[in-house]
């Protein structure tokens, strides 16, 4: 009788340990996903917001997304990336926070690296 009770207890403990061992990788995957998301958020937060394209002479002083006067000298910043800009491009990377509009990490592929 003692052997049956002890073996049932050991079986229960081993099944719990087995379940714990199977799920032990989940926290690592979650931490990796959180680290990727935090890095992406920090990257977006560090980008400047300007009404004009950052290469425009009045980019830091423009008061509206208009050309002329005290606003943009030549180029108004469009929603989304400008033609040729990609997040990973070495020559024409994203240069404004709104370049990330519509950005999808599932379809993004590094280019120009």
Protein backbone atom coordinates (compact mmCIF):
# COMPACT_ATOMS: atom_id res chain seq x y z
CA UNK A 1 0.00 0.00 0.00
CA UNK A 2 2.85 2.36 0.89
CA UNK A 3 4.53 1.74 -2.49
CA UNK A 4 1.29 2.56 -4.37
CA UNK A 5 0.80 5.85 -2.48
CA UNK A 6 4.43 6.92 -2.93
CA UNK A 7 4.41 6.02 -6.64
CA UNK A 8 1.20 8.03 -7.19
CA UNK A 9 2.79 11.02 -5.43
CA UNK A 10 5.97 10.73 -7.49
CA UNK A 11 3.94 10.40 -10.70
CA UNK A 12 2.05 13.59 -9.86
CA UNK A 13 5.22 15.51 -9.07
CA UNK A 14 6.97 14.27 -12.24
CA UNK A 15 4.00 15.25 -14.43
CA UNK A 16 4.10 18.78 -12.98
CA UNK A 17 7.87 18.98 -13.59
CA UNK A 18 7.38 17.70 -17.15
CA UNK A 19 4.74 20.36 -17.87
CA UNK A 20 6.98 23.06 -16.40
CA UNK A 21 9.92 21.93 -18.52
CA UNK A 22 7.80 22.01 -21.70
CA UNK A 23 6.65 25.59 -21.07
CA UNK A 24 10.00 26.94 -19.85
CA UNK A 25 10.88 28.46 -23.26
CA UNK A 26 7.73 30.66 -23.34
CA UNK A 27 9.11 33.41 -21.06
CA UNK A 28 12.23 33.69 -23.23
CA UNK A 29 10.14 34.09 -26.41
CA UNK A 30 7.95 36.69 -24.70
CA UNK A 31 11.01 38.63 -23.51
CA UNK A 32 12.45 38.59 -27.02
CA UNK A 33 9.18 39.85 -28.50
CA UNK A 34 9.01 42.58 -25.86
CA UNK A 35 12.61 43.62 -26.55
CA UNK A 36 11.90 43.85 -30.30
CA UNK A 37 8.75 45.90 -29.70
CA UNK A 38 10.53 48.25 -27.29
CA UNK A 39 13.39 48.76 -29.77
CA UNK A 40 10.93 49.56 -32.56
CA UNK A 41 9.01 51.99 -30.34
CA UNK A 42 12.23 53.72 -29.27
CA UNK A 43 13.33 54.01 -32.90
CA UNK A 44 10.03 55.69 -33.84
CA UNK A 45 10.08 57.97 -30.78
CA UNK A 46 13.61 59.18 -31.60
CA UNK A 47 12.61 60.28 -35.10
CA UNK A 48 11.92 64.01 -35.53
CA UNK A 49 8.47 65.37 -36.32
CA UNK A 50 8.53 68.21 -38.81
CA UNK A 51 5.98 69.65 -41.20
CA UNK A 52 8.63 69.78 -43.90
CA UNK A 53 10.98 67.14 -45.18
CA UNK A 54 13.96 67.15 -42.78
CA UNK A 55 16.22 68.14 -45.69
CA UNK A 56 14.14 71.35 -46.20
CA UNK A 57 15.86 74.56 -45.03
CA UNK A 58 12.85 75.58 -42.87
CA UNK A 59 12.23 72.12 -41.38
CA UNK A 60 12.85 73.20 -37.78
CA UNK A 61 10.95 76.49 -37.94
CA UNK A 62 7.93 75.73 -40.16
CA UNK A 63 4.57 76.33 -38.50
CA UNK A 64 2.40 74.40 -40.95
CA UNK A 65 2.60 71.86 -43.74
CA UNK A 66 2.55 74.54 -46.43
CA UNK A 67 5.11 75.85 -48.90
CA UNK A 68 6.05 79.51 -48.67
CA UNK A 69 6.23 82.24 -46.06
CA UNK A 70 7.28 81.07 -42.61
CA UNK A 71 6.48 77.47 -43.55
CA UNK A 72 8.32 74.92 -45.69
CA UNK A 73 10.72 76.35 -48.24
CA UNK A 74 10.19 73.65 -50.88
CA UNK A 75 9.07 70.24 -49.65
CA UNK A 76 6.14 69.34 -47.39
CA UNK A 77 6.56 66.04 -45.55
CA UNK A 78 4.10 63.48 -46.92
CA UNK A 79 2.38 60.82 -44.83
CA UNK A 80 4.37 57.62 -45.15
CA UNK A 81 7.83 57.18 -46.60
CA UNK A 82 8.91 59.20 -49.60
CA UNK A 83 9.74 57.31 -52.79
CA UNK A 84 12.97 55.38 -52.33
CA UNK A 85 13.00 55.60 -48.52
CA UNK A 86 13.04 52.36 -46.60
CA UNK A 87 13.78 51.68 -42.98
CA UNK A 88 16.86 49.65 -43.82
CA UNK A 89 18.33 51.65 -46.70
CA UNK A 90 21.83 52.99 -46.06
CA UNK A 91 21.50 56.05 -48.33
CA UNK A 92 17.82 57.02 -47.92
CA UNK A 93 16.61 55.71 -44.54
CA UNK A 94 13.49 56.89 -42.76
CA UNK A 95 14.07 60.48 -41.62
CA UNK A 96 10.75 61.49 -40.03
CA UNK A 97 8.31 59.90 -37.62
CA UNK A 98 5.51 59.76 -40.18
CA UNK A 99 7.65 57.62 -42.50
CA UNK A 100 6.56 54.70 -40.30
CA UNK A 101 2.91 55.17 -41.34
CA UNK A 102 1.76 51.79 -42.67
CA UNK A 103 5.04 50.08 -41.74
CA UNK A 104 4.53 46.33 -41.41
CA UNK A 105 7.22 44.18 -39.83
CA UNK A 106 5.78 41.05 -41.46
CA UNK A 107 6.52 42.27 -44.97
CA UNK A 108 9.57 44.45 -44.29
CA UNK A 109 12.80 43.12 -45.67
CA UNK A 110 16.23 44.64 -45.18
CA UNK A 111 17.62 46.25 -48.30
CA UNK A 112 20.63 48.41 -48.91
CA UNK A 113 22.53 47.06 -45.92
